[in-house]
Amino acid sequence: MVSYLEDVLVRVATQPASLMQQLLPANWAKRFAPATSELALA
């Protein structure tokens, strides 16, 4: 959840208004969330 909030706060400043729906939690998870294999490496 924290990674979502951090990412959205960074993206909201530059995201075009027409694409704001990409930042909704379900849409963000499909598009921007790190893969579980990436999380294992962190």
C-alpha atoms as a PDB file:
ATOM      1  CA  MET A   1       0.000   0.000   0.000  1.00  0.00           C
ATOM      2  CA  VAL A   2       2.809   2.392   0.773  1.00  0.00           C
ATOM      3  CA  SER A   3       4.400   1.869  -2.636  1.00  0.00           C
ATOM      4  CA  TYR A   4       1.058   2.752  -4.254  1.00  0.00           C
ATOM      5  CA  LEU A   5       0.753   6.007  -2.316  1.00  0.00           C
ATOM      6  CA  GLU A   6       4.353   6.999  -2.963  1.00  0.00           C
ATOM      7  CA  ASP A   7       4.073   6.275  -6.670  1.00  0.00           C
ATOM      8  CA  VAL A   8       0.746   8.066  -7.104  1.00  0.00           C
ATOM      9  CA  LEU A   9       2.008  11.166  -5.314  1.00  0.00           C
ATOM     10  CA  VAL A  10       4.933  11.333  -7.730  1.00  0.00           C
ATOM     11  CA  ARG A  11       2.857  10.597 -10.828  1.00  0.00           C
ATOM     12  CA  VAL A  12      -0.100  12.882 -10.060  1.00  0.00           C
ATOM     13  CA  ALA A  13       1.995  15.994 -10.734  1.00  0.00           C
ATOM     14  CA  THR A  14       2.843  14.955 -14.287  1.00  0.00           C
ATOM     15  CA  GLN A  15      -0.005  12.656 -15.300  1.00  0.00           C
ATOM     16  CA  PRO A  16      -2.334  14.226 -17.897  1.00  0.00           C
ATOM     17  CA  ALA A  17      -5.867  14.716 -16.589  1.00  0.00           C
ATOM     18  CA  SER A  18      -7.221  12.430 -19.292  1.00  0.00           C
ATOM     19  CA  LEU A  19      -5.143   9.559 -17.854  1.00  0.00           C
ATOM     20  CA  MET A  20      -5.886  10.041 -14.151  1.00  0.00           C
ATOM     21  CA  GLN A  21      -8.023   6.882 -14.122  1.00  0.00           C
ATOM     22  CA  GLN A  22      -4.735   4.969 -14.466  1.00  0.00           C
ATOM     23  CA  LEU A  23      -3.892   6.057 -10.927  1.00  0.00           C
ATOM     24  CA  LEU A  24      -6.934   4.437  -9.345  1.00  0.00           C
ATOM     25  CA  PRO A  25      -5.812   1.496  -7.190  1.00  0.00           C
ATOM     26  CA  ALA A  26      -7.077  -1.357  -9.397  1.00  0.00           C
ATOM     27  CA  ASN A  27      -5.784   0.240 -12.598  1.00  0.00           C
ATOM     28  CA  TRP A  28      -2.465   1.178 -11.022  1.00  0.00           C
ATOM     29  CA  ALA A  29      -1.902  -2.396  -9.855  1.00  0.00           C
ATOM     30  CA  LYS A  30      -2.316  -3.697 -13.404  1.00  0.00           C
ATOM     31  CA  ARG A  31      -0.131  -1.047 -15.002  1.00  0.00           C
ATOM     32  CA  PHE A  32       2.551   0.124 -12.567  1.00  0.00           C
ATOM     33  CA  ALA A  33       2.841  -2.297  -9.640  1.00  0.00           C
ATOM     34  CA  PRO A  34       6.161  -4.083  -9.390  1.00  0.00           C
ATOM     35  CA  ALA A  35       6.087  -7.770 -10.220  1.00  0.00           C
ATOM     36  CA  THR A  36       6.377 -10.133  -7.273  1.00  0.00           C
ATOM     37  CA  SER A  37       9.771 -11.291  -8.588  1.00  0.00           C
ATOM     38  CA  GLU A  38      10.993  -7.680  -8.421  1.00  0.00           C
ATOM     39  CA  LEU A  39       9.805  -7.430  -4.818  1.00  0.00           C
ATOM     40  CA  ALA A  40      11.768 -10.553  -3.881  1.00  0.00           C
ATOM     41  CA  LEU A  41      14.952  -8.927  -5.167  1.00  0.00           C
ATOM     42  CA  ALA A  42      14.487  -5.719  -3.171  1.00  0.00           C
END
